[in-house]
């Protein structure tokens, strides 16, 4: 008899957590060792329409989704793929999987959430460090009004690192004639330059320098680097806010224009193009492979992992990224242009109650080094391309979905071997008593994710 796994995650959402959750499901499903059911929950305001009934690859996951919050037995293993303050425990063994934090430490609420679980899995060494480095004093009030330390709050649960694998059958190098003709034509029609930097990521709240991906600063430094130059590259921003609506698109355009207005009206500014809307994984791979796109760039303040950067590396696209946070696990400094910078306390606008705490820090790139790096890449495209090919060969061996699945299943086996189902009790089949059914196990009400 197979072990019964129940997984709670935003499986249908178009989000990073949705991508991660689907990868986890298929890694366990393809092992053919488990009976798996899943609970689909929302993820903020992101659309919940990723899974399609007419897509045969989505059928196993769609078939596993429970339409009710009731199950007839306790799961052997319960897996919760959310943020730690949302973790719940419903299994004989409970595993929390989270991308972790983009800053340097996590909140005490996340520590409490992790300590409810039997095991926590994160995607990077950076993310693991954010949990391990967060230690808070336990205090008690004394009769005289003073406080006395009585211990420490820290993560006691084991933490393992399992990277987010990239599907090497989708994200792969293509010849020009293999790129989707629609994608090829649209980029060629709109982007007149033969050299374009590409950024991929969500543009969330915060003023200049305060949005987590630091898109505003990327735009500003890109303009400063190439303004008034005889030959200029382009910058393509594959971004949006929480949705892909027209209102969201117009807001993204407004933010770009606000930064452009900072420069004198007589200046010749390099072109910036907004790519707003949803693309399939296959279309993203077409974009990464487009001959006009020469380099992936990110000034992110921090990543739990950085999946788009890994995807780009799988097709030998040169990469510029900060030398800090989750992406450094798979961006070998010998083959990647890693940006210098320093840790700074997060701005007030980035504080998120019980999640991102005011005392935490994130990475801020050194503007001068970023300026020099953009300029170097534009002037030395052949040199950086050769290094990117080496990184591609390295990552296509280490960071695939299959390698991730092997590691995940090995870790799950290691920690749940005591739940071996090789010996089973053959109990008589339960029947209805009169008109009443036997009681079912009822899960606690799922909370809304902020």
Protein backbone atom coordinates (compact mmCIF):
# COMPACT_ATOMS: atom_id res chain seq x y z
CA UNK A 1 0.00 0.00 0.00
CA UNK A 2 1.34 3.43 -1.00
CA UNK A 3 1.88 6.21 1.49
CA UNK A 4 -0.83 8.85 1.35
CA UNK A 5 0.46 12.41 0.76
CA UNK A 6 -1.71 15.52 1.04
CA UNK A 7 -0.20 18.73 -0.39
CA UNK A 8 -1.54 22.23 0.22
CA UNK A 9 -0.28 24.88 -2.26
CA UNK A 10 -1.38 27.50 -4.83
CA UNK A 11 -1.28 24.96 -7.66
CA UNK A 12 -3.45 26.87 -10.12
CA UNK A 13 -1.87 30.30 -9.59
CA UNK A 14 0.38 32.06 -12.08
CA UNK A 15 3.08 32.81 -9.54
CA UNK A 16 6.53 31.70 -8.50
CA UNK A 17 4.99 29.68 -5.69
CA UNK A 18 2.63 28.09 -8.19
CA UNK A 19 5.55 27.04 -10.40
CA UNK A 20 7.41 25.66 -7.39
CA UNK A 21 4.35 23.77 -6.13
CA UNK A 22 3.70 22.14 -9.50
CA UNK A 23 7.33 21.03 -9.70
CA UNK A 24 7.09 19.45 -6.26
CA UNK A 25 3.87 17.63 -7.16
CA UNK A 26 5.28 16.11 -10.36
CA UNK A 27 8.55 15.16 -8.66
CA UNK A 28 6.61 13.08 -6.13
CA UNK A 29 3.97 11.88 -8.61
CA UNK A 30 6.53 10.52 -11.08
CA UNK A 31 8.22 8.52 -8.31
CA UNK A 32 5.07 6.32 -8.35
CA UNK A 33 5.48 5.58 -4.64
CA UNK A 34 2.64 7.67 -3.26
CA UNK A 35 -1.07 8.25 -3.38
CA UNK A 36 -1.29 12.04 -3.71
CA UNK A 37 -4.16 14.44 -3.18
CA UNK A 38 -3.86 18.21 -3.19
CA UNK A 39 -5.60 21.28 -1.81
CA UNK A 40 -5.44 24.31 -4.10
CA UNK A 41 -5.29 27.71 -2.37
CA UNK A 42 -5.00 31.24 -3.70
CA UNK A 43 -1.78 33.22 -3.82
CA UNK A 44 -2.41 36.90 -3.26
CA UNK A 45 -4.20 38.41 -6.26
CA UNK A 46 -2.41 36.38 -8.92
CA UNK A 47 -4.66 34.71 -11.55
CA UNK A 48 -5.67 31.13 -10.80
CA UNK A 49 -5.98 29.80 -14.34
CA UNK A 50 -2.66 28.10 -15.02
CA UNK A 51 -3.98 24.52 -15.21
CA UNK A 52 -5.91 23.73 -18.39
CA UNK A 53 -8.29 20.77 -18.75
CA UNK A 54 -7.30 20.19 -22.39
CA UNK A 55 -3.60 19.93 -21.54
CA UNK A 56 -2.71 16.25 -20.95
CA UNK A 57 0.34 17.25 -18.89
CA UNK A 58 -1.95 18.98 -16.40
CA UNK A 59 -4.37 16.06 -16.03
CA UNK A 60 -2.59 14.21 -13.16
CA UNK A 61 -2.57 17.37 -11.06
CA UNK A 62 -6.15 18.32 -11.91
CA UNK A 63 -7.28 14.80 -11.02
CA UNK A 64 -5.53 15.07 -7.64
CA UNK A 65 -7.28 18.29 -6.57
CA UNK A 66 -9.79 17.78 -3.77
CA UNK A 67 -13.14 19.52 -4.20
CA UNK A 68 -13.85 19.29 -0.49
CA UNK A 69 -11.81 19.94 2.62
CA UNK A 70 -12.69 16.52 4.01
CA UNK A 71 -10.61 13.34 3.72
CA UNK A 72 -11.43 9.89 5.05
CA UNK A 73 -8.08 9.26 6.77
CA UNK A 74 -5.06 11.07 8.13
CA UNK A 75 -2.30 11.61 5.56
CA UNK A 76 0.95 9.77 6.17
CA UNK A 77 2.73 12.90 4.94
CA UNK A 78 1.30 16.42 4.81
CA UNK A 79 3.20 19.00 2.74
CA UNK A 80 2.42 22.72 3.01
CA UNK A 81 3.94 24.88 0.25
CA UNK A 82 3.31 28.43 1.45
CA UNK A 83 4.94 30.97 3.74
CA UNK A 84 5.69 29.66 7.25
CA UNK A 85 3.07 31.67 9.15
CA UNK A 86 0.50 29.83 6.98
CA UNK A 87 1.86 26.35 7.75
CA UNK A 88 -0.60 23.81 9.13
CA UNK A 89 -0.16 20.25 10.39
CA UNK A 90 -2.52 17.49 9.29
CA UNK A 91 -0.29 14.48 8.73
CA UNK A 92 1.56 11.87 10.72
CA UNK A 93 4.62 13.68 9.36
CA UNK A 94 4.46 17.34 8.33
CA UNK A 95 6.76 19.09 5.84
CA UNK A 96 6.81 22.82 5.18
CA UNK A 97 8.22 23.99 1.84
CA UNK A 98 8.85 27.69 1.38
CA UNK A 99 10.93 29.96 -0.85
CA UNK A 100 12.03 31.64 2.35
CA UNK A 101 12.88 35.28 2.60
CA UNK A 102 14.56 37.75 0.25
CA UNK A 103 16.15 39.63 3.16
CA UNK A 104 18.79 38.46 5.64
CA UNK A 105 16.54 37.25 8.49
CA UNK A 106 13.00 35.98 8.98
CA UNK A 107 10.36 37.09 11.47
CA UNK A 108 9.66 35.30 14.75
CA UNK A 109 6.27 34.32 13.30
CA UNK A 110 8.08 32.37 10.60
CA UNK A 111 10.23 30.68 13.21
CA UNK A 112 7.11 29.63 15.09
CA UNK A 113 5.59 28.34 11.85
CA UNK A 114 8.66 26.27 11.03
CA UNK A 115 8.82 24.79 14.51
CA UNK A 116 5.31 23.36 14.06
CA UNK A 117 6.63 21.18 11.24
CA UNK A 118 8.75 18.02 11.32
CA UNK A 119 10.88 19.19 8.37
CA UNK A 120 11.34 22.43 6.41
CA UNK A 121 12.60 22.53 2.83
CA UNK A 122 13.93 25.72 1.18
CA UNK A 123 15.38 26.27 -2.34
CA UNK A 124 18.74 27.90 -1.57
CA UNK A 125 21.53 28.26 0.95
CA UNK A 126 20.63 31.95 1.22
CA UNK A 127 17.09 31.07 2.23
CA UNK A 128 18.33 28.52 4.77
CA UNK A 129 20.66 31.13 6.24
CA UNK A 130 17.77 33.55 6.72
CA UNK A 131 16.12 31.04 9.05
CA UNK A 132 19.26 29.90 10.86
CA UNK A 133 20.51 33.46 11.48
CA UNK A 134 17.24 34.64 13.01
CA UNK A 135 17.45 34.22 16.80
CA UNK A 136 15.19 36.14 19.17
CA UNK A 137 15.38 36.52 22.95
CA UNK A 138 12.58 35.05 25.04
CA UNK A 139 11.77 37.51 27.78
CA UNK A 140 9.60 37.44 30.88
CA UNK A 141 8.28 40.37 32.89
CA UNK A 142 9.57 40.72 36.46
CA UNK A 143 7.57 42.13 39.42
CA UNK A 144 9.64 45.33 39.36
CA UNK A 145 8.64 46.01 35.74
CA UNK A 146 11.94 44.94 34.24
CA UNK A 147 12.40 42.07 31.79
CA UNK A 148 14.61 39.04 32.10
CA UNK A 149 15.88 36.78 29.32
CA UNK A 150 14.75 33.20 29.83
CA UNK A 151 15.84 31.65 26.56
CA UNK A 152 15.94 32.02 22.79
CA UNK A 153 13.49 31.52 19.94
CA UNK A 154 15.12 29.93 16.92
CA UNK A 155 14.36 27.29 14.31
CA UNK A 156 14.59 23.88 15.92
CA UNK A 157 13.17 21.95 12.96
CA UNK A 158 15.65 20.38 10.50
CA UNK A 159 16.07 22.46 7.31
CA UNK A 160 17.08 20.93 3.97
CA UNK A 161 17.87 22.68 0.68
CA UNK A 162 16.21 21.45 -2.52
CA UNK A 163 16.74 23.77 -5.48
CA UNK A 164 13.97 24.68 -7.93
CA UNK A 165 14.81 22.64 -11.00
CA UNK A 166 14.41 23.97 -14.52
CA UNK A 167 12.74 21.85 -17.20
CA UNK A 168 15.59 21.22 -19.61
CA UNK A 169 13.16 19.89 -22.24
CA UNK A 170 11.56 23.35 -22.42
CA UNK A 171 14.35 25.75 -21.53
CA UNK A 172 17.00 24.90 -24.10
CA UNK A 173 19.01 26.58 -26.87
CA UNK A 174 17.14 27.08 -30.16
CA UNK A 175 18.24 27.91 -33.65
CA UNK A 176 16.58 30.97 -35.18
CA UNK A 177 14.37 28.80 -37.39
CA UNK A 178 13.17 26.90 -34.30
CA UNK A 179 11.88 30.01 -32.50
CA UNK A 180 8.12 30.54 -32.62
CA UNK A 181 7.50 32.71 -35.67
CA UNK A 182 5.01 34.92 -33.84
CA UNK A 183 7.46 35.72 -31.03
CA UNK A 184 10.28 36.21 -33.52
CA UNK A 185 8.26 38.58 -35.70
CA UNK A 186 6.78 40.65 -32.87
CA UNK A 187 10.13 41.34 -31.22
CA UNK A 188 11.76 42.10 -34.58
CA UNK A 189 8.93 44.48 -35.48
CA UNK A 190 8.89 46.40 -32.20
CA UNK A 191 12.55 46.36 -31.13
CA UNK A 192 14.67 48.16 -33.71
CA UNK A 193 18.00 47.64 -31.88
CA UNK A 194 20.08 44.52 -32.54
CA UNK A 195 21.19 44.33 -28.87
CA UNK A 196 18.69 44.18 -26.02
CA UNK A 197 19.07 43.56 -22.30
CA UNK A 198 16.19 41.55 -20.82
CA UNK A 199 14.69 41.82 -17.34
CA UNK A 200 12.06 39.33 -16.08
CA UNK A 201 10.18 39.84 -12.82
CA UNK A 202 7.21 41.37 -11.03
CA UNK A 203 7.15 45.11 -10.32
CA UNK A 204 5.68 45.39 -6.85
CA UNK A 205 5.07 48.32 -4.53
CA UNK A 206 7.66 50.85 -3.46
CA UNK A 207 9.16 54.09 -4.69
CA UNK A 208 12.52 54.51 -6.40
CA UNK A 209 14.94 51.91 -5.02
CA UNK A 210 12.22 50.39 -2.84
CA UNK A 211 10.60 47.78 -5.11
CA UNK A 212 12.14 44.38 -4.38
CA UNK A 213 13.43 43.79 -7.90
CA UNK A 214 14.84 47.36 -7.96
CA UNK A 215 13.44 47.87 -11.46
CA UNK A 216 13.35 51.65 -11.17
CA UNK A 217 17.09 51.79 -10.44
CA UNK A 218 17.79 49.38 -13.29
CA UNK A 219 16.00 51.74 -15.69
CA UNK A 220 17.83 54.79 -14.33
CA UNK A 221 21.30 53.24 -14.54
CA UNK A 222 20.59 51.78 -17.98
CA UNK A 223 19.66 55.25 -19.24
CA UNK A 224 22.71 56.85 -17.60
CA UNK A 225 24.98 54.24 -19.17
CA UNK A 226 23.80 54.64 -22.75
CA UNK A 227 22.22 58.11 -23.02
CA UNK A 228 23.61 60.29 -25.82
CA UNK A 229 25.69 57.42 -27.20
CA UNK A 230 25.93 57.03 -30.97
CA UNK A 231 25.01 53.36 -30.71
CA UNK A 232 22.55 52.30 -28.04
CA UNK A 233 21.13 48.97 -26.86
CA UNK A 234 17.53 48.47 -25.75
CA UNK A 235 16.08 47.32 -22.45
CA UNK A 236 13.10 44.95 -22.53
CA UNK A 237 11.12 44.71 -19.29
CA UNK A 238 9.02 41.55 -19.05
CA UNK A 239 7.08 42.76 -16.04
CA UNK A 240 3.72 43.56 -14.51
CA UNK A 241 2.17 44.29 -11.15
CA UNK A 242 -0.22 41.84 -9.51
CA UNK A 243 -2.29 41.29 -12.68
CA UNK A 244 -2.10 41.45 -16.47
CA UNK A 245 -4.91 44.00 -16.77
CA UNK A 246 -4.92 47.11 -18.98
CA UNK A 247 -4.85 49.25 -15.83
CA UNK A 248 -1.78 47.39 -14.63
CA UNK A 249 -0.09 47.83 -18.00
CA UNK A 250 -0.74 51.56 -18.02
CA UNK A 251 0.60 51.86 -14.47
CA UNK A 252 3.79 50.05 -15.52
CA UNK A 253 4.21 52.44 -18.47
CA UNK A 254 3.64 55.44 -16.17
CA UNK A 255 6.40 54.31 -13.82
CA UNK A 256 8.83 53.91 -16.71
CA UNK A 257 7.99 57.38 -18.06
CA UNK A 258 8.40 58.94 -14.61
CA UNK A 259 12.01 57.77 -14.52
CA UNK A 260 12.66 58.94 -18.08
CA UNK A 261 11.38 62.41 -17.13
CA UNK A 262 14.25 62.74 -14.65
CA UNK A 263 16.61 63.31 -17.57
CA UNK A 264 16.99 66.54 -19.59
CA UNK A 265 14.54 66.82 -22.48
CA UNK A 266 17.33 67.31 -24.99
CA UNK A 267 19.07 64.03 -24.17
CA UNK A 268 18.98 61.06 -26.53
CA UNK A 269 17.71 58.25 -24.31
CA UNK A 270 18.01 54.54 -25.12
CA UNK A 271 14.72 52.78 -25.81
CA UNK A 272 12.89 50.82 -23.13
CA UNK A 273 10.20 48.34 -24.15
CA UNK A 274 7.49 46.94 -21.88
CA UNK A 275 6.47 43.32 -22.44
CA UNK A 276 3.30 43.06 -20.35
CA UNK A 277 1.15 39.95 -20.17
CA UNK A 278 1.36 36.23 -19.67
CA UNK A 279 3.66 33.97 -21.67
CA UNK A 280 3.84 30.18 -21.58
CA UNK A 281 7.10 28.49 -20.63
CA UNK A 282 7.65 27.68 -24.30
CA UNK A 283 7.13 31.33 -25.27
CA UNK A 284 9.54 32.43 -22.55
CA UNK A 285 12.13 30.08 -23.98
CA UNK A 286 11.52 31.62 -27.42
CA UNK A 287 12.11 35.03 -25.85
CA UNK A 288 15.34 33.95 -24.13
CA UNK A 289 16.57 32.60 -27.47
CA UNK A 290 15.62 35.60 -29.58
CA UNK A 291 18.73 36.78 -31.48
CA UNK A 292 18.20 40.40 -30.39
CA UNK A 293 18.29 39.51 -26.70
CA UNK A 294 21.93 39.35 -25.68
CA UNK A 295 21.90 39.47 -21.87
CA UNK A 296 19.64 38.90 -18.86
CA UNK A 297 19.92 41.56 -16.17
CA UNK A 298 18.57 41.96 -12.64
CA UNK A 299 19.32 44.39 -9.81
CA UNK A 300 17.11 42.44 -7.38
CA UNK A 301 17.44 43.24 -3.67
CA UNK A 302 17.07 39.55 -2.88
CA UNK A 303 15.72 36.22 -4.12
CA UNK A 304 14.71 33.05 -2.34
CA UNK A 305 15.94 31.30 -5.48
CA UNK A 306 15.57 33.27 -8.74
CA UNK A 307 13.96 30.85 -11.21
CA UNK A 308 14.00 33.13 -14.34
CA UNK A 309 17.75 33.58 -13.93
CA UNK A 310 18.23 29.81 -13.91
CA UNK A 311 15.99 29.46 -16.97
CA UNK A 312 18.08 32.02 -18.85
CA UNK A 313 21.29 30.22 -17.92
CA UNK A 314 19.91 26.98 -19.38
CA UNK A 315 20.02 28.45 -22.90
CA UNK A 316 23.42 30.20 -22.50
CA UNK A 317 22.07 33.72 -22.14
CA UNK A 318 24.71 35.86 -20.38
CA UNK A 319 23.57 37.09 -16.96
CA UNK A 320 24.15 40.18 -14.84
CA UNK A 321 22.88 39.80 -11.27
CA UNK A 322 23.74 40.79 -7.67
CA UNK A 323 26.41 38.77 -5.85
CA UNK A 324 24.01 37.99 -3.01
CA UNK A 325 20.90 35.87 -2.26
CA UNK A 326 19.43 32.71 -3.76
CA UNK A 327 20.72 33.03 -7.32
CA UNK A 328 24.40 32.71 -6.30
CA UNK A 329 23.82 28.99 -5.72
CA UNK A 330 23.63 28.43 -9.48
CA UNK A 331 25.37 31.50 -10.95
CA UNK A 332 29.01 30.47 -10.96
CA UNK A 333 31.08 33.68 -10.60
CA UNK A 334 33.57 32.38 -13.18
CA UNK A 335 30.90 32.57 -15.86
CA UNK A 336 28.51 35.26 -14.59
CA UNK A 337 28.77 39.02 -14.14
CA UNK A 338 27.95 39.38 -10.46
CA UNK A 339 27.39 42.90 -9.16
CA UNK A 340 29.07 44.35 -6.09
CA UNK A 341 27.01 46.11 -3.46
CA UNK A 342 26.16 46.11 0.23
CA UNK A 343 23.44 45.15 2.67
CA UNK A 344 21.21 48.02 3.75
CA UNK A 345 18.22 48.17 6.06
CA UNK A 346 14.99 47.79 4.12
CA UNK A 347 12.82 50.92 3.58
CA UNK A 348 9.58 51.35 5.50
CA UNK A 349 7.55 50.68 2.35
CA UNK A 350 8.99 47.14 2.18
CA UNK A 351 7.95 46.21 5.73
CA UNK A 352 5.29 43.48 5.71
CA UNK A 353 3.76 42.71 9.10
CA UNK A 354 4.89 39.36 10.49
CA UNK A 355 6.79 38.60 7.28
CA UNK A 356 9.42 41.22 6.37
CA UNK A 357 10.51 42.87 9.60
CA UNK A 358 11.84 46.45 9.91
CA UNK A 359 15.23 45.28 11.25
CA UNK A 360 16.01 43.12 8.22
CA UNK A 361 18.41 44.06 5.42
CA UNK A 362 18.61 43.45 1.69
CA UNK A 363 21.20 43.94 -1.04
CA UNK A 364 21.69 47.20 -2.90
CA UNK A 365 23.91 47.10 -5.99
CA UNK A 366 26.81 49.49 -6.35
CA UNK A 367 25.65 51.91 -9.05
CA UNK A 368 29.10 52.60 -10.47
CA UNK A 369 29.90 48.91 -10.77
CA UNK A 370 26.51 48.32 -12.41
CA UNK A 371 27.22 51.12 -14.89
CA UNK A 372 30.60 49.62 -15.80
CA UNK A 373 29.14 46.12 -16.12
CA UNK A 374 26.36 47.14 -18.51
CA UNK A 375 28.89 49.02 -20.63
CA UNK A 376 31.34 46.07 -20.62
CA UNK A 377 28.66 43.60 -21.72
CA UNK A 378 27.55 45.82 -24.59
CA UNK A 379 31.13 46.19 -25.83
CA UNK A 380 32.29 42.58 -25.25
CA UNK A 381 29.38 40.41 -26.34
CA UNK A 382 31.51 37.58 -27.75
CA UNK A 383 33.56 37.16 -24.58
CA UNK A 384 30.54 37.04 -22.29
CA UNK A 385 28.72 34.65 -24.63
CA UNK A 386 31.51 32.07 -24.39
CA UNK A 387 31.37 32.18 -20.58
CA UNK A 388 27.58 31.85 -20.67
CA UNK A 389 27.90 28.66 -22.71
CA UNK A 390 30.11 27.17 -20.00
CA UNK A 391 27.57 28.08 -17.34
CA UNK A 392 24.83 26.50 -19.45
CA UNK A 393 26.71 23.21 -19.67
CA UNK A 394 27.29 23.24 -15.91
CA UNK A 395 23.69 24.06 -14.98
CA UNK A 396 22.12 21.62 -17.43
CA UNK A 397 23.91 18.87 -15.53
CA UNK A 398 23.09 20.06 -12.01
CA UNK A 399 19.86 22.05 -11.91
CA UNK A 400 17.26 20.16 -13.94
CA UNK A 401 13.81 19.04 -12.85
CA UNK A 402 14.98 15.43 -12.82
CA UNK A 403 17.91 16.25 -10.54
CA UNK A 404 15.57 18.20 -8.27
CA UNK A 405 13.14 15.25 -8.18
CA UNK A 406 15.95 12.85 -7.26
CA UNK A 407 17.08 15.07 -4.39
CA UNK A 408 13.54 15.73 -3.13
CA UNK A 409 12.57 12.06 -3.10
CA UNK A 410 15.84 11.14 -1.39
CA UNK A 411 15.19 13.66 1.39
CA UNK A 412 11.53 12.68 1.82
CA UNK A 413 12.54 9.00 2.03
CA UNK A 414 15.24 9.81 4.57
CA UNK A 415 12.92 11.62 6.95
CA UNK A 416 9.79 9.45 6.54
CA UNK A 417 11.24 5.94 6.43
CA UNK A 418 9.70 5.32 9.86
CA UNK A 419 6.30 5.59 8.16
CA UNK A 420 7.03 2.50 6.05
CA UNK A 421 3.83 1.00 4.72
CA UNK A 422 5.34 -2.44 4.03
CA UNK A 423 3.40 -3.89 6.95
CA UNK A 424 -0.33 -3.20 6.85
CA UNK A 425 -3.19 -4.32 9.04
CA UNK A 426 -5.97 -5.95 7.04
CA UNK A 427 -8.98 -4.46 8.78
CA UNK A 428 -12.53 -5.33 7.73
CA UNK A 429 -14.13 -2.83 5.38
CA UNK A 430 -16.07 -0.17 7.26
CA UNK A 431 -19.74 0.21 6.44
CA UNK A 432 -22.45 2.74 7.12
CA UNK A 433 -24.16 2.49 10.48
CA UNK A 434 -27.87 2.95 9.91
CA UNK A 435 -28.36 6.12 7.89
CA UNK A 436 -25.28 7.82 9.28
CA UNK A 437 -21.84 7.69 7.73
CA UNK A 438 -18.76 7.14 9.83
CA UNK A 439 -17.10 10.44 10.79
CA UNK A 440 -14.44 11.85 8.47
CA UNK A 441 -11.35 13.77 9.35
CA UNK A 442 -12.05 17.44 8.78
CA UNK A 443 -9.20 19.82 8.02
CA UNK A 444 -9.05 23.18 9.74
CA UNK A 445 -10.24 26.14 7.66
CA UNK A 446 -7.56 27.40 5.29
CA UNK A 447 -6.52 31.00 5.88
CA UNK A 448 -6.35 33.65 3.21
CA UNK A 449 -2.81 34.39 2.09
CA UNK A 450 -1.92 38.05 2.34
